Amino acid sequence: MRRLVIALVATCTYVFASAQSCTPDQNITSPGFFPKDLEVAYVDSAYKQVLQIRVFKDTTVNLPGQGSVYATVDSINLIGFEGYPQSTFYYTCSAPNCSYTPDSTGCATLQGTPTKAQVGVYPLDIYIEIFGKAFGTFPTSMVDTLDQFSLVINEFGNSSIQPNDLNHLQISPNPSNGSFDLSAFAPYGIKSVVCRNSLGQIVESQVDANKLRLSNAVNGMYSIHLTTAQGQHFRQKIQVLH
């Protein structure tokens, strides 16, 4: 599943639109996205990032009572996204209904003209639904969140704004019964913590004495977005098991 998510993270760069603003490169046959990182956007300068997307043909999905099973992939659809400055940026995709299939390369664009007030780092949360067939026969689908990309907006001549990397830190224990330790982040100061379920819905949570507690959380996977007092961003998938 993780392999599929990383390869398809490029699907973040589109929104429903009638006009196609990029051309798929069918010379690309290897699954993945190209390029691997978003270019930096600069203040008062028109920005357009084109990404080429090639979907994997198979993956694994979780089925109730059966765990992880093999599945062939039919398509990947965008169901929602957030994190970018919506007042000045927009997304388009080459595929109808923003649905990508494994049989060809697709493309997407992120466009806009950022303002000086928008200088900073914008981690992106992208919600996708994967459609496929378990064991190659039984229709199934799964919702997942992509969080590997950040949009960086800088002023010309200023390279001080960079994606903040706190990936050497971890939320623990993981899995947990709903209570997680945030002590590793105490030196940075914890400004906010947002928890979402697999559908992208915010789950009620509390942070007290460097402990994160999820209220009435059922068993499953959750996505944590932690922001430090210095504006650094950290993301991690956590699992609740009672």
Protein backbone atom coordinates (compact mmCIF):
# COMPACT_ATOMS: atom_id res chain seq x y z
CA MET A 1 0.00 0.00 0.00
CA ARG A 2 2.78 2.43 0.93
CA ARG A 3 4.48 1.82 -2.41
CA LEU A 4 1.29 2.74 -4.22
CA VAL A 5 0.72 5.87 -2.13
CA ILE A 6 4.24 7.20 -2.74
CA ALA A 7 3.99 6.55 -6.46
CA LEU A 8 0.61 8.23 -6.74
CA VAL A 9 1.24 11.27 -4.55
CA ALA A 10 1.46 13.31 -7.71
CA THR A 11 -2.31 13.09 -7.96
CA CYS A 12 -2.39 15.97 -5.48
CA THR A 13 -1.85 18.50 -8.23
CA TYR A 14 -5.27 18.74 -9.80
CA VAL A 15 -8.80 19.96 -9.29
CA PHE A 16 -11.89 19.44 -11.38
CA ALA A 17 -11.53 21.54 -14.51
CA SER A 18 -12.74 21.43 -18.06
CA ALA A 19 -9.54 22.61 -19.73
CA GLN A 20 -6.46 20.44 -20.04
CA SER A 21 -3.33 22.42 -19.22
CA CYS A 22 -0.71 19.66 -19.61
CA THR A 23 0.19 16.90 -22.02
CA PRO A 24 0.80 13.34 -20.72
CA ASP A 25 4.22 11.97 -21.64
CA GLN A 26 3.55 8.44 -22.88
CA ASN A 27 7.29 7.76 -23.06
CA ILE A 28 7.08 7.31 -19.28
CA THR A 29 6.22 3.68 -18.58
CA SER A 30 7.65 3.21 -15.08
CA PRO A 31 5.13 3.64 -12.24
CA GLY A 32 5.62 6.80 -10.23
CA PHE A 33 5.53 10.58 -10.51
CA PHE A 34 7.92 12.89 -12.31
CA PRO A 35 9.47 15.06 -10.95
CA LYS A 36 9.63 13.87 -7.35
CA ASP A 37 9.43 17.32 -5.72
CA LEU A 38 7.44 20.49 -6.40
CA GLU A 39 9.38 23.46 -7.71
CA VAL A 40 9.57 26.53 -5.45
CA ALA A 41 6.95 29.21 -6.14
CA TYR A 42 8.05 32.87 -6.05
CA VAL A 43 6.10 35.95 -4.99
CA ASP A 44 4.33 37.84 -7.81
CA SER A 45 5.55 35.31 -10.38
CA ALA A 46 3.22 33.02 -12.32
CA TYR A 47 3.74 29.44 -11.19
CA LYS A 48 2.98 26.25 -13.10
CA GLN A 49 4.16 22.83 -11.99
CA VAL A 50 3.48 19.92 -14.33
CA LEU A 51 3.63 16.40 -12.95
CA GLN A 52 3.56 13.19 -14.98
CA ILE A 53 1.68 10.32 -13.28
CA ARG A 54 1.93 6.59 -13.89
CA VAL A 55 -0.30 4.39 -11.69
CA PHE A 56 0.76 1.00 -10.33
CA LYS A 57 -1.18 -1.98 -11.68
CA ASP A 58 -1.45 -3.81 -8.37
CA THR A 59 -1.17 -3.30 -4.63
CA THR A 60 -2.48 -4.72 -1.36
CA VAL A 61 -5.69 -3.69 0.40
CA ASN A 62 -7.08 -4.43 3.84
CA LEU A 63 -10.30 -6.49 3.91
CA PRO A 64 -12.31 -7.04 7.11
CA GLY A 65 -11.46 -10.41 8.60
CA GLN A 66 -8.80 -11.15 5.98
CA GLY A 67 -6.09 -8.54 6.52
CA SER A 68 -3.91 -7.47 3.60
CA VAL A 69 -4.76 -9.12 0.30
CA TYR A 70 -3.58 -8.74 -3.28
CA ALA A 71 -5.60 -6.42 -5.52
CA THR A 72 -5.33 -5.21 -9.09
CA VAL A 73 -5.84 -1.45 -9.47
CA ASP A 74 -8.56 -0.13 -11.78
CA SER A 75 -8.25 3.60 -11.04
CA ILE A 76 -7.35 6.28 -8.51
CA ASN A 77 -9.76 9.18 -7.90
CA LEU A 78 -9.26 12.46 -6.06
CA ILE A 79 -11.88 12.98 -3.34
CA GLY A 80 -10.46 16.09 -1.64
CA PHE A 81 -7.34 18.05 -0.71
CA GLU A 82 -6.23 20.97 1.44
CA GLY A 83 -3.19 22.90 2.56
CA TYR A 84 -2.38 25.18 -0.41
CA PRO A 85 -3.36 28.91 -0.63
CA GLN A 86 -6.74 28.53 -2.30
CA SER A 87 -7.12 32.26 -2.91
CA THR A 88 -4.29 32.30 -5.47
CA PHE A 89 -3.67 28.67 -6.54
CA TYR A 90 -5.73 26.11 -8.40
CA TYR A 91 -5.33 22.60 -9.77
CA THR A 92 -6.21 20.96 -13.08
CA CYS A 93 -5.90 17.39 -14.30
CA SER A 94 -5.64 15.80 -17.72
CA ALA A 95 -7.97 12.89 -16.96
CA PRO A 96 -11.78 13.18 -17.03
CA ASN A 97 -13.20 13.44 -13.51
CA CYS A 98 -9.60 13.43 -12.22
CA SER A 99 -9.47 9.65 -12.46
CA TYR A 100 -6.16 7.96 -13.35
CA THR A 101 -5.74 4.41 -14.69
CA PRO A 102 -2.70 2.12 -14.90
CA ASP A 103 -2.80 1.67 -18.69
CA SER A 104 -1.33 5.07 -19.60
CA THR A 105 0.52 8.08 -18.23
CA GLY A 106 -1.51 11.06 -17.05
CA CYS A 107 -0.52 14.52 -15.95
CA ALA A 108 -1.61 17.30 -13.62
CA THR A 109 -0.71 20.92 -12.94
CA LEU A 110 -0.58 23.25 -9.98
CA GLN A 111 -0.88 26.91 -10.98
CA GLY A 112 -1.10 30.31 -9.36
CA THR A 113 0.61 33.60 -8.55
CA PRO A 114 1.51 33.80 -4.84
CA THR A 115 1.57 37.03 -2.84
CA LYS A 116 4.15 38.26 -0.33
CA ALA A 117 1.75 37.48 2.50
CA GLN A 118 1.81 33.82 1.46
CA VAL A 119 5.56 33.23 1.86
CA GLY A 120 6.07 30.00 3.75
CA VAL A 121 5.75 26.22 3.61
CA TYR A 122 2.41 24.60 2.82
CA PRO A 123 2.21 20.86 3.57
CA LEU A 124 -0.45 19.27 1.39
CA ASP A 125 -3.05 16.72 2.50
CA ILE A 126 -4.56 14.88 -0.44
CA TYR A 127 -7.42 12.41 -0.09
CA ILE A 128 -7.74 9.73 -2.74
CA GLU A 129 -9.87 6.64 -3.29
CA ILE A 130 -8.32 3.53 -4.81
CA PHE A 131 -10.59 1.26 -6.85
CA GLY A 132 -9.55 -2.28 -7.66
CA LYS A 133 -10.34 -5.98 -7.49
CA ALA A 134 -9.24 -8.13 -4.57
CA PHE A 135 -7.63 -11.37 -5.74
CA GLY A 136 -8.16 -9.90 -9.22
CA THR A 137 -11.92 -10.65 -9.04
CA PHE A 138 -13.86 -9.02 -6.19
CA PRO A 139 -14.49 -5.23 -6.48
CA THR A 140 -13.06 -3.22 -3.58
CA SER A 141 -12.05 0.34 -2.78
CA MET A 142 -9.99 2.08 -0.14
CA VAL A 143 -9.55 5.71 0.93
CA ASP A 144 -6.07 6.97 1.78
CA THR A 145 -4.28 10.24 2.53
CA LEU A 146 -1.17 11.46 0.69
CA ASP A 147 1.06 13.82 2.64
CA GLN A 148 4.53 13.66 1.02
CA PHE A 149 4.45 17.00 -0.83
CA SER A 150 4.93 20.56 0.42
CA LEU A 151 4.50 23.74 -1.60
CA VAL A 152 7.25 26.26 -0.76
CA ILE A 153 6.63 29.96 -1.51
CA ASN A 154 9.66 32.28 -1.41
CA GLU A 155 10.62 35.81 -2.38
CA PHE A 156 13.25 36.19 -5.11
CA GLY A 157 16.74 36.21 -3.60
CA ASN A 158 15.51 34.61 -0.38
CA SER A 159 16.12 30.89 0.11
CA SER A 160 15.53 30.87 3.86
CA ILE A 161 12.11 29.25 3.53
CA GLN A 162 12.60 25.51 3.21
CA PRO A 163 10.44 22.45 3.91
CA ASN A 164 10.78 21.62 7.59
CA ASP A 165 11.91 18.06 8.17
CA LEU A 166 11.21 16.51 11.55
CA ASN A 167 11.04 12.97 10.21
CA HIS A 168 13.73 11.83 12.64
CA LEU A 169 11.12 12.19 15.39
CA GLN A 170 8.28 9.76 16.10
CA ILE A 171 4.99 9.64 17.92
CA SER A 172 4.89 6.62 20.21
CA PRO A 173 3.72 4.05 21.13
CA ASN A 174 2.33 3.12 17.74
CA PRO A 175 -0.07 1.34 17.67
CA SER A 176 -1.76 2.47 20.88
CA ASN A 177 -5.15 2.28 22.58
CA GLY A 178 -5.68 5.98 21.87
CA SER A 179 -3.01 7.69 24.00
CA PHE A 180 0.28 8.75 22.38
CA ASP A 181 3.49 10.30 23.71
CA LEU A 182 4.61 13.63 22.19
CA SER A 183 7.65 14.17 24.44
CA ALA A 184 10.02 14.11 21.46
CA PHE A 185 8.44 17.37 20.25
CA ALA A 186 8.58 19.22 23.59
CA PRO A 187 11.88 21.05 22.76
CA TYR A 188 10.23 22.56 19.66
CA GLY A 189 7.01 23.61 21.38
CA ILE A 190 3.70 22.16 20.20
CA LYS A 191 1.46 24.77 18.60
CA SER A 192 -1.28 22.51 17.27
CA VAL A 193 -2.13 18.88 16.55
CA VAL A 194 -4.78 17.85 14.03
CA CYS A 195 -5.92 14.25 13.77
CA ARG A 196 -7.91 12.89 10.81
CA ASN A 197 -9.40 9.50 10.12
CA SER A 198 -8.98 7.57 6.87
CA LEU A 199 -11.82 9.58 5.29
CA GLY A 200 -10.08 12.89 6.00
CA GLN A 201 -12.50 13.83 8.77
CA ILE A 202 -11.13 15.63 11.85
CA VAL A 203 -11.19 13.47 14.98
CA GLU A 204 -11.51 15.14 18.38
CA SER A 205 -8.26 15.04 20.33
CA GLN A 206 -6.57 16.68 23.33
CA VAL A 207 -2.93 17.45 24.11
CA ASP A 208 -1.97 17.66 27.77
CA ALA A 209 1.46 17.25 29.39
CA ASN A 210 2.94 16.07 26.06
CA LYS A 211 0.28 13.38 25.75
CA LEU A 212 -2.07 13.14 22.75
CA ARG A 213 -5.40 11.50 23.45
CA LEU A 214 -7.97 10.67 20.79
CA SER A 215 -11.55 10.91 22.01
CA ASN A 216 -13.82 7.94 21.24
CA ALA A 217 -11.45 6.72 18.52
CA VAL A 218 -12.36 3.37 17.00
CA ASN A 219 -9.79 0.87 15.79
CA GLY A 220 -8.12 2.02 12.60
CA MET A 221 -5.49 4.23 10.98
CA TYR A 222 -5.26 7.97 11.61
CA SER A 223 -3.16 10.80 10.19
CA ILE A 224 -1.50 13.25 12.58
CA HIS A 225 -0.39 16.75 11.50
CA LEU A 226 1.63 18.45 14.23
CA THR A 227 2.81 22.08 13.98
CA THR A 228 5.57 23.37 16.24
CA ALA A 229 5.88 26.84 17.76
CA GLN A 230 8.46 27.69 15.06
CA GLY A 231 6.10 26.68 12.26
CA GLN A 232 7.70 23.32 11.54
CA HIS A 233 5.41 20.55 10.33
CA PHE A 234 5.39 16.86 11.20
CA ARG A 235 3.13 14.13 9.86
CA GLN A 236 2.75 10.52 10.86
CA LYS A 237 0.26 7.70 10.44
CA ILE A 238 -0.80 6.18 13.75
CA GLN A 239 -2.94 3.15 14.55
CA VAL A 240 -5.49 2.74 17.31
CA LEU A 241 -6.00 -0.77 18.65
CA HIS A 242 -8.15 -1.35 21.72
